[in-house]
Amino acid sequence: MPGGRLTDEDRRDIASGLARGLGYAEIARRLGRPTSTITREVGRNGGARDYRADRAHQATRRRARRRRSATHPEPPVVVGAEGRDPRAVLAFAEEFAAAMVGMGLPRMAARVLASLVTTDSGALTAAELAGRLRVSPASVSKAVGYLEGLELLRRERGTRRRETYSIDDDMWLRTWLTSARTNALLADTAQRGVDVLDPATPAGARLDHMRRFFARLSDDMSGGPTSVGGDVVTVLAALVRAVTPEAADQLAAELGWPPDRVAHALHDAAQVTR
């Protein structure tokens, strides 16, 4: 039937026509098929010299089976969420990623972050991320680099030079404080623009509006320049700088934490209180 799939008989006629030296256009005319169909059929099955009807039919069946199996792929393994419905976990991870994309995070970075958030340990290797997300290691590496720049994850080298990417419960605090500092920086920059352009001019007035907006946003996020929250941050920064190795060991013993966890926490506290 013109336009339908080639049958075993069609392939035998193609093989016979080729053996007699007929051209693709003549074979197509006799079968009532487009010349492109005959050209594609012969080209993907050995060419005019090596075309065999039985081998072509078997190859077509194998391709059809591969297409059917690809239509219903196995769900990726959800590492670190054992005992829970993997499909539900993956569906929520995609929902979480979509929310992050809506807030401006690149899609791949959002998917990597969502994978780490929905893992009990909060840590995955590059291979585990690539397998779960079904993307290339290069895509994972690029997303990790982006998230690392935002201080949303840590990169740790394990055994056999394998890297592990991890998050902790303080990452949202770091993000919040970074946003507050960014808003304050924008307010200061806008103020310099106001001084240069004169607030009585349209450009100066526009920058003054920008300054007031980001200054208020920064104050709201940090609790205000004279709030108790600001004093708490100042005191915390001083305490972090004053911690000695002996005090860090005592703190680890009091919390029941390993020393490296205390060291990481002190490092993070120093970063967010700068």
C-alpha atoms as a PDB file:
ATOM      1  CA  MET A   1       0.000   0.000   0.000  1.00  0.00           C
ATOM      2  CA  PRO A   2       1.549   3.357  -0.992  1.00  0.00           C
ATOM      3  CA  GLY A   3       2.651   5.286   2.094  1.00  0.00           C
ATOM      4  CA  GLY A   4       2.387   2.236   4.402  1.00  0.00           C
ATOM      5  CA  ARG A   5       5.133   0.073   5.870  1.00  0.00           C
ATOM      6  CA  LEU A   6       7.182  -2.071   3.540  1.00  0.00           C
ATOM      7  CA  THR A   7       6.212  -5.746   3.640  1.00  0.00           C
ATOM      8  CA  ASP A   8       8.372  -8.862   3.225  1.00  0.00           C
ATOM      9  CA  GLU A   9       7.146  -9.093  -0.374  1.00  0.00           C
ATOM     10  CA  ASP A  10       8.084  -5.446  -1.005  1.00  0.00           C
ATOM     11  CA  ARG A  11      11.613  -6.117   0.236  1.00  0.00           C
ATOM     12  CA  ARG A  12      11.934  -9.197  -1.977  1.00  0.00           C
ATOM     13  CA  ASP A  13      10.848  -7.090  -4.972  1.00  0.00           C
ATOM     14  CA  ILE A  14      13.432  -4.434  -4.032  1.00  0.00           C
ATOM     15  CA  ALA A  15      16.165  -7.094  -3.816  1.00  0.00           C
ATOM     16  CA  SER A  16      15.054  -8.558  -7.145  1.00  0.00           C
ATOM     17  CA  GLY A  17      15.019  -5.148  -8.828  1.00  0.00           C
ATOM     18  CA  LEU A  18      18.491  -4.337  -7.545  1.00  0.00           C
ATOM     19  CA  ALA A  19      19.786  -7.694  -8.772  1.00  0.00           C
ATOM     20  CA  ARG A  20      18.470  -6.870 -12.263  1.00  0.00           C
ATOM     21  CA  GLY A  21      20.170  -3.469 -12.193  1.00  0.00           C
ATOM     22  CA  LEU A  22      17.011  -1.358 -11.873  1.00  0.00           C
ATOM     23  CA  GLY A  23      17.357   2.139 -10.454  1.00  0.00           C
ATOM     24  CA  TYR A  24      15.660   3.306  -7.269  1.00  0.00           C
ATOM     25  CA  ALA A  25      13.118   5.391  -9.194  1.00  0.00           C
ATOM     26  CA  GLU A  26      12.052   2.413 -11.359  1.00  0.00           C
ATOM     27  CA  ILE A  27      11.729   0.107  -8.327  1.00  0.00           C
ATOM     28  CA  ALA A  28       9.698   2.765  -6.550  1.00  0.00           C
ATOM     29  CA  ARG A  29       7.411   3.182  -9.587  1.00  0.00           C
ATOM     30  CA  ARG A  30       6.751  -0.574  -9.779  1.00  0.00           C
ATOM     31  CA  LEU A  31       5.948  -0.757  -6.045  1.00  0.00           C
ATOM     32  CA  GLY A  32       3.893   2.430  -6.083  1.00  0.00           C
ATOM     33  CA  ARG A  33       6.188   4.004  -3.480  1.00  0.00           C
ATOM     34  CA  PRO A  34       8.067   7.304  -3.236  1.00  0.00           C
ATOM     35  CA  THR A  35      11.638   7.063  -4.486  1.00  0.00           C
ATOM     36  CA  SER A  36      12.818   8.400  -1.083  1.00  0.00           C
ATOM     37  CA  THR A  37      11.317   5.332   0.628  1.00  0.00           C
ATOM     38  CA  ILE A  38      13.346   2.948  -1.548  1.00  0.00           C
ATOM     39  CA  THR A  39      16.486   5.049  -1.173  1.00  0.00           C
ATOM     40  CA  ARG A  40      16.163   5.087   2.625  1.00  0.00           C
ATOM     41  CA  GLU A  41      15.344   1.362   2.826  1.00  0.00           C
ATOM     42  CA  VAL A  42      18.349   0.332   0.745  1.00  0.00           C
ATOM     43  CA  GLY A  43      20.724   2.836   2.362  1.00  0.00           C
ATOM     44  CA  ARG A  44      20.028   1.692   5.917  1.00  0.00           C
ATOM     45  CA  ASN A  45      20.345  -1.999   5.015  1.00  0.00           C
ATOM     46  CA  GLY A  46      23.710  -2.373   3.332  1.00  0.00           C
ATOM     47  CA  GLY A  47      23.352  -0.367   0.134  1.00  0.00           C
ATOM     48  CA  ALA A  48      22.610  -1.572  -3.405  1.00  0.00           C
ATOM     49  CA  ARG A  49      25.446  -4.136  -3.477  1.00  0.00           C
ATOM     50  CA  ASP A  50      24.709  -5.817  -0.113  1.00  0.00           C
ATOM     51  CA  TYR A  51      20.946  -5.432   0.274  1.00  0.00           C
ATOM     52  CA  ARG A  52      19.187  -8.667   1.332  1.00  0.00           C
ATOM     53  CA  ALA A  53      15.429  -8.843   1.867  1.00  0.00           C
ATOM     54  CA  ASP A  54      15.548 -11.199   4.892  1.00  0.00           C
ATOM     55  CA  ARG A  55      18.270  -9.219   6.672  1.00  0.00           C
ATOM     56  CA  ALA A  56      16.468  -5.935   6.000  1.00  0.00           C
ATOM     57  CA  HIS A  57      13.259  -7.336   7.482  1.00  0.00           C
ATOM     58  CA  GLN A  58      15.042  -8.583  10.610  1.00  0.00           C
ATOM     59  CA  ALA A  59      16.790  -5.254  11.094  1.00  0.00           C
ATOM     60  CA  THR A  60      13.473  -3.419  10.819  1.00  0.00           C
ATOM     61  CA  ARG A  61      11.945  -5.673  13.470  1.00  0.00           C
ATOM     62  CA  ARG A  62      14.867  -5.024  15.825  1.00  0.00           C
ATOM     63  CA  ARG A  63      14.506  -1.266  15.401  1.00  0.00           C
ATOM     64  CA  ALA A  64      10.784  -1.514  16.105  1.00  0.00           C
ATOM     65  CA  ARG A  65      11.451  -3.442  19.326  1.00  0.00           C
ATOM     66  CA  ARG A  66      13.975  -0.827  20.471  1.00  0.00           C
ATOM     67  CA  ARG A  67      11.464   1.951  19.831  1.00  0.00           C
ATOM     68  CA  ARG A  68       8.772   0.136  21.830  1.00  0.00           C
ATOM     69  CA  SER A  69      11.107  -0.451  24.779  1.00  0.00           C
ATOM     70  CA  ALA A  70      12.217   3.198  24.742  1.00  0.00           C
ATOM     71  CA  THR A  71       8.579   4.286  24.956  1.00  0.00           C
ATOM     72  CA  HIS A  72       8.258   2.716  28.423  1.00  0.00           C
ATOM     73  CA  PRO A  73      11.617   3.295  30.126  1.00  0.00           C
ATOM     74  CA  GLU A  74      12.312   2.105  33.637  1.00  0.00           C
ATOM     75  CA  PRO A  75      12.114   4.916  36.197  1.00  0.00           C
ATOM     76  CA  PRO A  76      15.506   6.107  37.410  1.00  0.00           C
ATOM     77  CA  VAL A  77      16.742   4.774  40.737  1.00  0.00           C
ATOM     78  CA  VAL A  78      16.110   7.242  43.559  1.00  0.00           C
ATOM     79  CA  VAL A  79      19.269   7.138  45.672  1.00  0.00           C
ATOM     80  CA  GLY A  80      18.875   8.161  49.312  1.00  0.00           C
ATOM     81  CA  ALA A  81      15.072   7.879  49.482  1.00  0.00           C
ATOM     82  CA  GLU A  82      14.723   4.156  50.033  1.00  0.00           C
ATOM     83  CA  GLY A  83      11.425   2.886  51.383  1.00  0.00           C
ATOM     84  CA  ARG A  84       9.387   5.566  49.624  1.00  0.00           C
ATOM     85  CA  ASP A  85       7.555   5.547  46.327  1.00  0.00           C
ATOM     86  CA  PRO A  86      10.281   6.473  43.798  1.00  0.00           C
ATOM     87  CA  ARG A  87       7.789   7.899  41.314  1.00  0.00           C
ATOM     88  CA  ALA A  88       6.286  10.172  43.984  1.00  0.00           C
ATOM     89  CA  VAL A  89       9.757  11.310  45.089  1.00  0.00           C
ATOM     90  CA  LEU A  90      10.785  12.097  41.503  1.00  0.00           C
ATOM     91  CA  ALA A  91       7.507  13.897  40.838  1.00  0.00           C
ATOM     92  CA  PHE A  92       8.003  16.103  43.895  1.00  0.00           C
ATOM     93  CA  ALA A  93      11.631  16.768  42.925  1.00  0.00           C
ATOM     94  CA  GLU A  94      10.431  18.020  39.519  1.00  0.00           C
ATOM     95  CA  GLU A  95       7.782  20.167  41.242  1.00  0.00           C
ATOM     96  CA  PHE A  96      10.441  21.626  43.555  1.00  0.00           C
ATOM     97  CA  ALA A  97      12.734  22.277  40.588  1.00  0.00           C
ATOM     98  CA  ALA A  98       9.934  24.028  38.707  1.00  0.00           C
ATOM     99  CA  ALA A  99       9.406  26.348  41.694  1.00  0.00           C
ATOM    100  CA  MET A 100      13.131  27.168  41.728  1.00  0.00           C
ATOM    101  CA  VAL A 101      13.070  27.848  37.967  1.00  0.00           C
ATOM    102  CA  GLY A 102      10.148  30.209  38.536  1.00  0.00           C
ATOM    103  CA  MET A 103      12.376  32.118  40.981  1.00  0.00           C
ATOM    104  CA  GLY A 104      15.120  32.508  38.357  1.00  0.00           C
ATOM    105  CA  LEU A 105      17.339  29.454  38.869  1.00  0.00           C
ATOM    106  CA  PRO A 106      18.504  27.742  35.629  1.00  0.00           C
ATOM    107  CA  ARG A 107      16.586  24.518  35.016  1.00  0.00           C
ATOM    108  CA  MET A 108      19.507  22.084  35.329  1.00  0.00           C
ATOM    109  CA  ALA A 109      20.798  23.766  38.475  1.00  0.00           C
ATOM    110  CA  ALA A 110      17.275  23.599  39.909  1.00  0.00           C
ATOM    111  CA  ARG A 111      17.011  19.873  39.138  1.00  0.00           C
ATOM    112  CA  VAL A 112      20.375  19.158  40.785  1.00  0.00           C
ATOM    113  CA  LEU A 113      19.362  21.138  43.882  1.00  0.00           C
ATOM    114  CA  ALA A 114      15.996  19.362  44.041  1.00  0.00           C
ATOM    115  CA  SER A 115      17.739  15.985  43.836  1.00  0.00           C
ATOM    116  CA  LEU A 116      19.972  16.861  46.779  1.00  0.00           C
ATOM    117  CA  VAL A 117      17.094  18.276  48.836  1.00  0.00           C
ATOM    118  CA  THR A 118      15.047  15.080  48.397  1.00  0.00           C
ATOM    119  CA  THR A 119      17.946  12.797  49.381  1.00  0.00           C
ATOM    120  CA  ASP A 120      18.186  11.768  53.053  1.00  0.00           C
ATOM    121  CA  SER A 121      21.935  12.349  53.247  1.00  0.00           C
ATOM    122  CA  GLY A 122      21.768  15.591  51.249  1.00  0.00           C
ATOM    123  CA  ALA A 123      24.717  14.300  49.221  1.00  0.00           C
ATOM    124  CA  LEU A 124      25.126  12.625  45.825  1.00  0.00           C
ATOM    125  CA  THR A 125      28.027  11.859  43.526  1.00  0.00           C
ATOM    126  CA  ALA A 126      28.261  13.201  40.000  1.00  0.00           C
ATOM    127  CA  ALA A 127      27.481   9.718  38.627  1.00  0.00           C
ATOM    128  CA  GLU A 128      24.404   9.386  40.853  1.00  0.00           C
ATOM    129  CA  LEU A 129      23.108  12.784  39.745  1.00  0.00           C
ATOM    130  CA  ALA A 130      23.711  12.002  36.070  1.00  0.00           C
ATOM    131  CA  GLY A 131      21.914   8.660  36.408  1.00  0.00           C
ATOM    132  CA  ARG A 132      18.983  10.064  38.324  1.00  0.00           C
ATOM    133  CA  LEU A 133      18.476  13.055  36.028  1.00  0.00           C
ATOM    134  CA  ARG A 134      19.462  11.129  32.865  1.00  0.00           C
ATOM    135  CA  VAL A 135      21.800  13.848  31.697  1.00  0.00           C
ATOM    136  CA  SER A 136      25.481  13.991  30.807  1.00  0.00           C
ATOM    137  CA  PRO A 137      28.190  14.443  33.474  1.00  0.00           C
ATOM    138  CA  ALA A 138      29.082  17.733  31.772  1.00  0.00           C
ATOM    139  CA  SER A 139      25.561  19.060  32.409  1.00  0.00           C
ATOM    140  CA  VAL A 140      25.828  18.069  36.067  1.00  0.00           C
ATOM    141  CA  SER A 141      29.246  19.719  36.383  1.00  0.00           C
ATOM    142  CA  LYS A 142      27.992  22.996  34.934  1.00  0.00           C
ATOM    143  CA  ALA A 143      24.966  23.044  37.251  1.00  0.00           C
ATOM    144  CA  VAL A 144      27.125  22.214  40.284  1.00  0.00           C
ATOM    145  CA  GLY A 145      29.486  25.065  39.441  1.00  0.00           C
ATOM    146  CA  TYR A 146      26.546  27.484  39.300  1.00  0.00           C
ATOM    147  CA  LEU A 147      25.132  26.301  42.651  1.00  0.00           C
ATOM    148  CA  GLU A 148      28.578  26.376  44.244  1.00  0.00           C
ATOM    149  CA  GLY A 149      28.898  30.022  43.224  1.00  0.00           C
ATOM    150  CA  LEU A 150      25.660  30.721  45.124  1.00  0.00           C
ATOM    151  CA  GLU A 151      27.003  28.835  48.175  1.00  0.00           C
ATOM    152  CA  LEU A 152      24.101  26.397  47.940  1.00  0.00           C
ATOM    153  CA  LEU A 153      26.258  23.261  47.977  1.00  0.00           C
ATOM    154  CA  ARG A 154      29.698  21.991  48.867  1.00  0.00           C
ATOM    155  CA  ARG A 155      32.054  19.952  46.727  1.00  0.00           C
ATOM    156  CA  GLU A 156      33.911  17.172  48.568  1.00  0.00           C
ATOM    157  CA  ARG A 157      36.473  14.765  47.133  1.00  0.00           C
ATOM    158  CA  GLY A 158      36.026  11.198  48.344  1.00  0.00           C
ATOM    159  CA  THR A 159      37.740   7.900  47.641  1.00  0.00           C
ATOM    160  CA  ARG A 160      39.015   7.086  44.157  1.00  0.00           C
ATOM    161  CA  ARG A 161      38.926  10.803  43.346  1.00  0.00           C
ATOM    162  CA  ARG A 162      35.125  10.731  43.189  1.00  0.00           C
ATOM    163  CA  GLU A 163      33.482  14.031  43.999  1.00  0.00           C
ATOM    164  CA  THR A 164      30.421  14.250  46.222  1.00  0.00           C
ATOM    165  CA  TYR A 165      28.129  17.276  46.236  1.00  0.00           C
ATOM    166  CA  SER A 166      26.283  18.029  49.459  1.00  0.00           C
ATOM    167  CA  ILE A 167      23.946  20.559  51.026  1.00  0.00           C
ATOM    168  CA  ASP A 168      23.158  21.362  54.660  1.00  0.00           C
ATOM    169  CA  ASP A 169      20.295  22.891  56.602  1.00  0.00           C
ATOM    170  CA  ASP A 170      22.022  26.298  56.762  1.00  0.00           C
ATOM    171  CA  MET A 171      22.040  26.886  53.019  1.00  0.00           C
ATOM    172  CA  TRP A 172      18.762  28.824  53.113  1.00  0.00           C
ATOM    173  CA  LEU A 173      20.154  31.148  55.804  1.00  0.00           C
ATOM    174  CA  ARG A 174      23.232  31.795  53.671  1.00  0.00           C
ATOM    175  CA  THR A 175      21.003  32.515  50.668  1.00  0.00           C
ATOM    176  CA  TRP A 176      18.865  34.904  52.718  1.00  0.00           C
ATOM    177  CA  LEU A 177      21.849  36.835  54.062  1.00  0.00           C
ATOM    178  CA  THR A 178      23.481  36.950  50.640  1.00  0.00           C
ATOM    179  CA  SER A 179      20.272  38.435  49.216  1.00  0.00           C
ATOM    180  CA  ALA A 180      20.176  41.039  51.986  1.00  0.00           C
ATOM    181  CA  ARG A 181      23.787  42.045  51.288  1.00  0.00           C
ATOM    182  CA  THR A 182      23.055  42.224  47.549  1.00  0.00           C
ATOM    183  CA  ASN A 183      20.090  44.529  48.155  1.00  0.00           C
ATOM    184  CA  ALA A 184      22.205  46.781  50.362  1.00  0.00           C
ATOM    185  CA  LEU A 185      24.897  46.924  47.673  1.00  0.00           C
ATOM    186  CA  LEU A 186      22.316  47.910  45.048  1.00  0.00           C
ATOM    187  CA  ALA A 187      20.981  50.628  47.344  1.00  0.00           C
ATOM    188  CA  ASP A 188      24.502  52.038  47.883  1.00  0.00           C
ATOM    189  CA  THR A 189      25.233  51.947  44.147  1.00  0.00           C
ATOM    190  CA  ALA A 190      21.971  53.728  43.344  1.00  0.00           C
ATOM    191  CA  GLN A 191      22.813  56.395  45.941  1.00  0.00           C
ATOM    192  CA  ARG A 192      26.093  57.126  44.188  1.00  0.00           C
ATOM    193  CA  GLY A 193      24.155  57.478  40.946  1.00  0.00           C
ATOM    194  CA  VAL A 194      21.771  59.948  42.592  1.00  0.00           C
ATOM    195  CA  ASP A 195      24.728  62.048  43.775  1.00  0.00           C
ATOM    196  CA  VAL A 196      26.166  62.097  40.247  1.00  0.00           C
ATOM    197  CA  LEU A 197      22.967  62.725  38.269  1.00  0.00           C
ATOM    198  CA  ASP A 198      21.058  65.018  40.718  1.00  0.00           C
ATOM    199  CA  PRO A 199      17.703  63.762  42.134  1.00  0.00           C
ATOM    200  CA  ALA A 200      15.930  66.715  40.456  1.00  0.00           C
ATOM    201  CA  THR A 201      16.551  65.174  37.005  1.00  0.00           C
ATOM    202  CA  PRO A 202      14.489  62.260  35.597  1.00  0.00           C
ATOM    203  CA  ALA A 203      17.498  59.893  35.666  1.00  0.00           C
ATOM    204  CA  GLY A 204      18.422  60.955  39.202  1.00  0.00           C
ATOM    205  CA  ALA A 205      14.828  60.545  40.397  1.00  0.00           C
ATOM    206  CA  ARG A 206      14.697  57.066  38.851  1.00  0.00           C
ATOM    207  CA  LEU A 207      17.861  56.049  40.695  1.00  0.00           C
ATOM    208  CA  ASP A 208      16.565  57.565  43.929  1.00  0.00           C
ATOM    209  CA  HIS A 209      13.425  55.456  43.627  1.00  0.00           C
ATOM    210  CA  MET A 210      15.650  52.413  43.095  1.00  0.00           C
ATOM    211  CA  ARG A 211      17.748  53.367  46.143  1.00  0.00           C
ATOM    212  CA  ARG A 212      14.727  53.654  48.423  1.00  0.00           C
ATOM    213  CA  PHE A 213      13.269  50.378  47.177  1.00  0.00           C
ATOM    214  CA  PHE A 214      16.409  48.289  47.747  1.00  0.00           C
ATOM    215  CA  ALA A 215      17.274  50.041  51.022  1.00  0.00           C
ATOM    216  CA  ARG A 216      13.846  49.173  52.422  1.00  0.00           C
ATOM    217  CA  LEU A 217      14.093  45.619  51.084  1.00  0.00           C
ATOM    218  CA  SER A 218      17.532  45.179  52.678  1.00  0.00           C
ATOM    219  CA  ASP A 219      16.302  46.537  56.015  1.00  0.00           C
ATOM    220  CA  ASP A 220      13.264  44.255  55.941  1.00  0.00           C
ATOM    221  CA  MET A 221      15.367  41.169  55.221  1.00  0.00           C
ATOM    222  CA  SER A 222      18.084  41.917  57.790  1.00  0.00           C
ATOM    223  CA  GLY A 223      15.750  43.226  60.465  1.00  0.00           C
ATOM    224  CA  GLY A 224      16.780  46.861  60.022  1.00  0.00           C
ATOM    225  CA  PRO A 225      20.054  48.591  60.740  1.00  0.00           C
ATOM    226  CA  THR A 226      19.239  49.187  64.412  1.00  0.00           C
ATOM    227  CA  SER A 227      17.259  46.010  65.127  1.00  0.00           C
ATOM    228  CA  VAL A 228      18.112  43.334  67.666  1.00  0.00           C
ATOM    229  CA  GLY A 229      18.753  40.981  64.739  1.00  0.00           C
ATOM    230  CA  GLY A 230      21.629  43.156  63.580  1.00  0.00           C
ATOM    231  CA  ASP A 231      23.159  43.052  67.049  1.00  0.00           C
ATOM    232  CA  VAL A 232      22.836  39.282  67.109  1.00  0.00           C
ATOM    233  CA  VAL A 233      24.735  38.974  63.834  1.00  0.00           C
ATOM    234  CA  THR A 234      27.459  41.300  65.103  1.00  0.00           C
ATOM    235  CA  VAL A 235      27.876  39.319  68.324  1.00  0.00           C
ATOM    236  CA  LEU A 236      27.869  36.027  66.420  1.00  0.00           C
ATOM    237  CA  ALA A 237      30.604  37.274  64.100  1.00  0.00           C
ATOM    238  CA  ALA A 238      32.742  38.284  67.077  1.00  0.00           C
ATOM    239  CA  LEU A 239      32.236  34.901  68.738  1.00  0.00           C
ATOM    240  CA  VAL A 240      33.212  33.035  65.587  1.00  0.00           C
ATOM    241  CA  ARG A 241      36.439  35.016  65.303  1.00  0.00           C
ATOM    242  CA  ALA A 242      37.224  34.380  68.983  1.00  0.00           C
ATOM    243  CA  VAL A 243      36.868  30.586  68.850  1.00  0.00           C
ATOM    244  CA  THR A 244      40.153  28.816  69.555  1.00  0.00           C
ATOM    245  CA  PRO A 245      40.962  25.211  68.556  1.00  0.00           C
ATOM    246  CA  GLU A 246      40.480  24.154  72.194  1.00  0.00           C
ATOM    247  CA  ALA A 247      37.083  25.862  72.312  1.00  0.00           C
ATOM    248  CA  ALA A 248      36.113  24.192  69.033  1.00  0.00           C
ATOM    249  CA  ASP A 249      36.954  20.759  70.486  1.00  0.00           C
ATOM    250  CA  GLN A 250      34.898  21.545  73.585  1.00  0.00           C
ATOM    251  CA  LEU A 251      31.989  22.667  71.404  1.00  0.00           C
ATOM    252  CA  ALA A 252      32.191  19.424  69.397  1.00  0.00           C
ATOM    253  CA  ALA A 253      32.079  17.376  72.592  1.00  0.00           C
ATOM    254  CA  GLU A 254      29.114  19.379  73.930  1.00  0.00           C
ATOM    255  CA  LEU A 255      27.130  18.925  70.700  1.00  0.00           C
ATOM    256  CA  GLY A 256      28.220  15.343  70.100  1.00  0.00           C
ATOM    257  CA  TRP A 257      29.479  16.344  66.660  1.00  0.00           C
ATOM    258  CA  PRO A 258      32.665  15.248  64.904  1.00  0.00           C
ATOM    259  CA  PRO A 259      35.307  18.013  64.846  1.00  0.00           C
ATOM    260  CA  ASP A 260      35.106  18.441  61.046  1.00  0.00           C
ATOM    261  CA  ARG A 261      31.373  19.202  61.279  1.00  0.00           C
ATOM    262  CA  VAL A 262      32.062  21.918  63.855  1.00  0.00           C
ATOM    263  CA  ALA A 263      34.829  23.292  61.627  1.00  0.00           C
ATOM    264  CA  HIS A 264      32.430  23.432  58.658  1.00  0.00           C
ATOM    265  CA  ALA A 265      29.763  25.155  60.775  1.00  0.00           C
ATOM    266  CA  LEU A 266      32.224  27.770  62.045  1.00  0.00           C
ATOM    267  CA  HIS A 267      33.437  28.386  58.492  1.00  0.00           C
ATOM    268  CA  ASP A 268      29.851  28.859  57.256  1.00  0.00           C
ATOM    269  CA  ALA A 269      29.037  31.163  60.166  1.00  0.00           C
ATOM    270  CA  ALA A 270      32.073  33.284  59.329  1.00  0.00           C
ATOM    271  CA  GLN A 271      30.927  33.519  55.704  1.00  0.00           C
ATOM    272  CA  VAL A 272      27.342  34.578  56.449  1.00  0.00           C
ATOM    273  CA  THR A 273      28.318  37.157  59.098  1.00  0.00           C
ATOM    274  CA  ARG A 274      30.940  38.950  57.002  1.00  0.00           C
END
